[in-house]
Each structure stands twice: as C-alpha cells, then as structure tokens.
Amino acid sequence: MSEPLEKILSKDNLNAAYKRVCANKGAGRGDDVTVDILMIQWCSQKVKWQSTE
C-alpha cells in the first residue's frame, strides 16, 4: 500500500473523519452518505481487510 493511502486509511484518520461526520449529524453532502451508511460500509470493508492479512 502506498504511503499516502496508508495515512488516509490509518485508524486515527478514519476515527477523526467519523467524528466529523457524527458532529455534522451525518448530513449527506454530494454523496448523501449518512452516519449509518458510513458505519455499515466501514465495518464491511474492515472484514475484507482483516481477511487479507
């Protein structure tokens, strides 16, 4: 994985992004992604990442 991608996908960065979305009450912008949808997507992706380790 490339260094910029590792920084983007770091636990600290993803947690900070999630907190910003929650603080914004999950108001969808251009992508209409709510907090609930985001959590489902992240959990699904986490399972995929763990299965490749």
N, C-alpha and C. Protein backbone atom coordinates (compact mmCIF):
# COMPACT_ATOMS: atom_id res chain seq x y z
N MET A 1 0.85 -1.17 0.00
CA MET A 1 0.00 0.00 0.00
C MET A 1 0.90 1.23 0.00
N SER A 2 0.49 2.26 -0.72
CA SER A 2 1.30 3.47 -0.81
C SER A 2 1.22 4.28 0.48
N GLU A 3 2.24 5.09 0.73
CA GLU A 3 2.29 5.87 1.96
C GLU A 3 1.10 6.83 2.10
N PRO A 4 0.71 7.57 1.05
CA PRO A 4 -0.45 8.45 1.20
C PRO A 4 -1.73 7.67 1.53
N LEU A 5 -1.90 6.52 0.93
CA LEU A 5 -3.08 5.70 1.20
C LEU A 5 -3.05 5.17 2.63
N GLU A 6 -1.87 4.80 3.11
CA GLU A 6 -1.74 4.34 4.49
C GLU A 6 -2.14 5.43 5.46
N LYS A 7 -1.77 6.68 5.17
CA LYS A 7 -2.14 7.80 6.04
C LYS A 7 -3.66 8.02 6.02
N ILE A 8 -4.24 7.95 4.84
CA ILE A 8 -5.69 8.14 4.71
C ILE A 8 -6.44 7.06 5.47
N LEU A 9 -5.97 5.83 5.37
CA LEU A 9 -6.67 4.70 5.96
C LEU A 9 -6.21 4.37 7.38
N SER A 10 -5.37 5.24 7.95
CA SER A 10 -4.92 4.99 9.32
C SER A 10 -6.09 5.06 10.28
N LYS A 11 -5.99 4.32 11.35
CA LYS A 11 -7.07 4.27 12.34
C LYS A 11 -7.39 5.67 12.87
N ASP A 12 -6.36 6.45 13.19
CA ASP A 12 -6.57 7.79 13.73
C ASP A 12 -7.29 8.69 12.73
N ASN A 13 -6.91 8.62 11.47
CA ASN A 13 -7.53 9.46 10.45
C ASN A 13 -8.99 9.05 10.22
N LEU A 14 -9.25 7.76 10.15
CA LEU A 14 -10.62 7.29 9.94
C LEU A 14 -11.50 7.63 11.14
N ASN A 15 -10.96 7.52 12.35
CA ASN A 15 -11.73 7.89 13.54
C ASN A 15 -12.04 9.38 13.54
N ALA A 16 -11.07 10.20 13.17
CA ALA A 16 -11.30 11.65 13.11
C ALA A 16 -12.37 11.98 12.07
N ALA A 17 -12.31 11.31 10.93
CA ALA A 17 -13.31 11.54 9.88
C ALA A 17 -14.69 11.14 10.36
N TYR A 18 -14.77 10.01 11.04
CA TYR A 18 -16.05 9.54 11.56
C TYR A 18 -16.62 10.54 12.57
N LYS A 19 -15.76 11.06 13.44
CA LYS A 19 -16.22 12.04 14.43
C LYS A 19 -16.72 13.31 13.76
N ARG A 20 -16.07 13.73 12.67
CA ARG A 20 -16.53 14.92 11.94
C ARG A 20 -17.91 14.67 11.32
N VAL A 21 -18.10 13.48 10.79
CA VAL A 21 -19.40 13.13 10.20
C VAL A 21 -20.47 13.11 11.28
N CYS A 22 -20.15 12.52 12.42
CA CYS A 22 -21.12 12.47 13.52
C CYS A 22 -21.45 13.88 14.02
N ALA A 23 -20.44 14.73 14.14
CA ALA A 23 -20.66 16.10 14.59
C ALA A 23 -21.55 16.86 13.61
N ASN A 24 -21.46 16.48 12.35
CA ASN A 24 -22.26 17.09 11.29
C ASN A 24 -23.63 16.42 11.21
N LYS A 25 -23.89 15.52 12.15
CA LYS A 25 -25.13 14.75 12.21
C LYS A 25 -25.36 13.93 10.94
N GLY A 26 -24.27 13.58 10.30
CA GLY A 26 -24.34 12.71 9.14
C GLY A 26 -25.03 13.31 7.94
N ALA A 27 -25.16 14.63 7.96
CA ALA A 27 -25.83 15.29 6.84
C ALA A 27 -25.09 14.95 5.55
N GLY A 28 -25.80 14.28 4.66
CA GLY A 28 -25.20 13.91 3.38
C GLY A 28 -24.91 15.15 2.55
N ARG A 29 -23.78 15.15 1.97
CA ARG A 29 -23.45 16.25 1.08
C ARG A 29 -23.61 15.71 -0.34
N GLY A 30 -22.60 15.82 -1.13
CA GLY A 30 -22.68 15.37 -2.51
C GLY A 30 -22.94 13.89 -2.67
N ASP A 31 -22.47 13.11 -1.68
CA ASP A 31 -22.61 11.65 -1.80
C ASP A 31 -23.80 11.10 -1.02
N ASP A 32 -24.49 11.93 -0.24
CA ASP A 32 -25.66 11.51 0.54
C ASP A 32 -25.38 10.35 1.48
N VAL A 33 -24.14 10.23 1.96
CA VAL A 33 -23.78 9.16 2.88
C VAL A 33 -24.07 9.61 4.31
N THR A 34 -24.94 8.88 4.99
CA THR A 34 -25.25 9.17 6.38
C THR A 34 -24.30 8.42 7.30
N VAL A 35 -24.34 8.72 8.59
CA VAL A 35 -23.50 8.03 9.56
C VAL A 35 -23.79 6.53 9.54
N ASP A 36 -25.06 6.18 9.46
CA ASP A 36 -25.43 4.76 9.45
C ASP A 36 -24.85 4.03 8.24
N ILE A 37 -24.95 4.64 7.08
CA ILE A 37 -24.40 4.03 5.86
C ILE A 37 -22.88 3.94 5.96
N LEU A 38 -22.26 5.00 6.46
CA LEU A 38 -20.81 5.02 6.60
C LEU A 38 -20.33 3.89 7.50
N MET A 39 -20.99 3.70 8.63
CA MET A 39 -20.59 2.65 9.57
C MET A 39 -20.74 1.27 8.93
N ILE A 40 -21.80 1.04 8.22
CA ILE A 40 -22.00 -0.24 7.54
C ILE A 40 -20.89 -0.48 6.52
N GLN A 41 -20.56 0.56 5.75
CA GLN A 41 -19.52 0.42 4.74
C GLN A 41 -18.17 0.15 5.39
N TRP A 42 -17.84 0.89 6.45
CA TRP A 42 -16.55 0.71 7.11
C TRP A 42 -16.44 -0.66 7.74
N CYS A 43 -17.51 -1.12 8.38
CA CYS A 43 -17.47 -2.45 9.01
C CYS A 43 -17.30 -3.54 7.95
N SER A 44 -17.98 -3.38 6.85
CA SER A 44 -17.85 -4.34 5.76
C SER A 44 -16.43 -4.35 5.20
N GLN A 45 -15.86 -3.16 5.03
CA GLN A 45 -14.50 -3.05 4.50
C GLN A 45 -13.49 -3.61 5.49
N LYS A 46 -13.72 -3.37 6.78
CA LYS A 46 -12.80 -3.87 7.81
C LYS A 46 -12.72 -5.39 7.76
N VAL A 47 -13.85 -6.04 7.58
CA VAL A 47 -13.88 -7.50 7.48
C VAL A 47 -13.05 -7.94 6.27
N LYS A 48 -13.18 -7.24 5.16
CA LYS A 48 -12.40 -7.59 3.96
C LYS A 48 -10.92 -7.41 4.21
N TRP A 49 -10.53 -6.30 4.87
CA TRP A 49 -9.10 -6.04 5.14
C TRP A 49 -8.55 -7.11 6.07
N GLN A 50 -9.31 -7.48 7.09
CA GLN A 50 -8.84 -8.47 8.04
C GLN A 50 -8.67 -9.84 7.41
N SER A 51 -9.50 -10.14 6.43
CA SER A 51 -9.42 -11.45 5.79
C SER A 51 -8.22 -11.56 4.85
N THR A 52 -7.63 -10.40 4.49
CA THR A 52 -6.48 -10.43 3.58
C THR A 52 -5.16 -10.34 4.32
N GLU A 53 -5.21 -10.18 5.65
CA GLU A 53 -3.98 -10.05 6.42
C GLU A 53 -3.34 -11.39 6.68
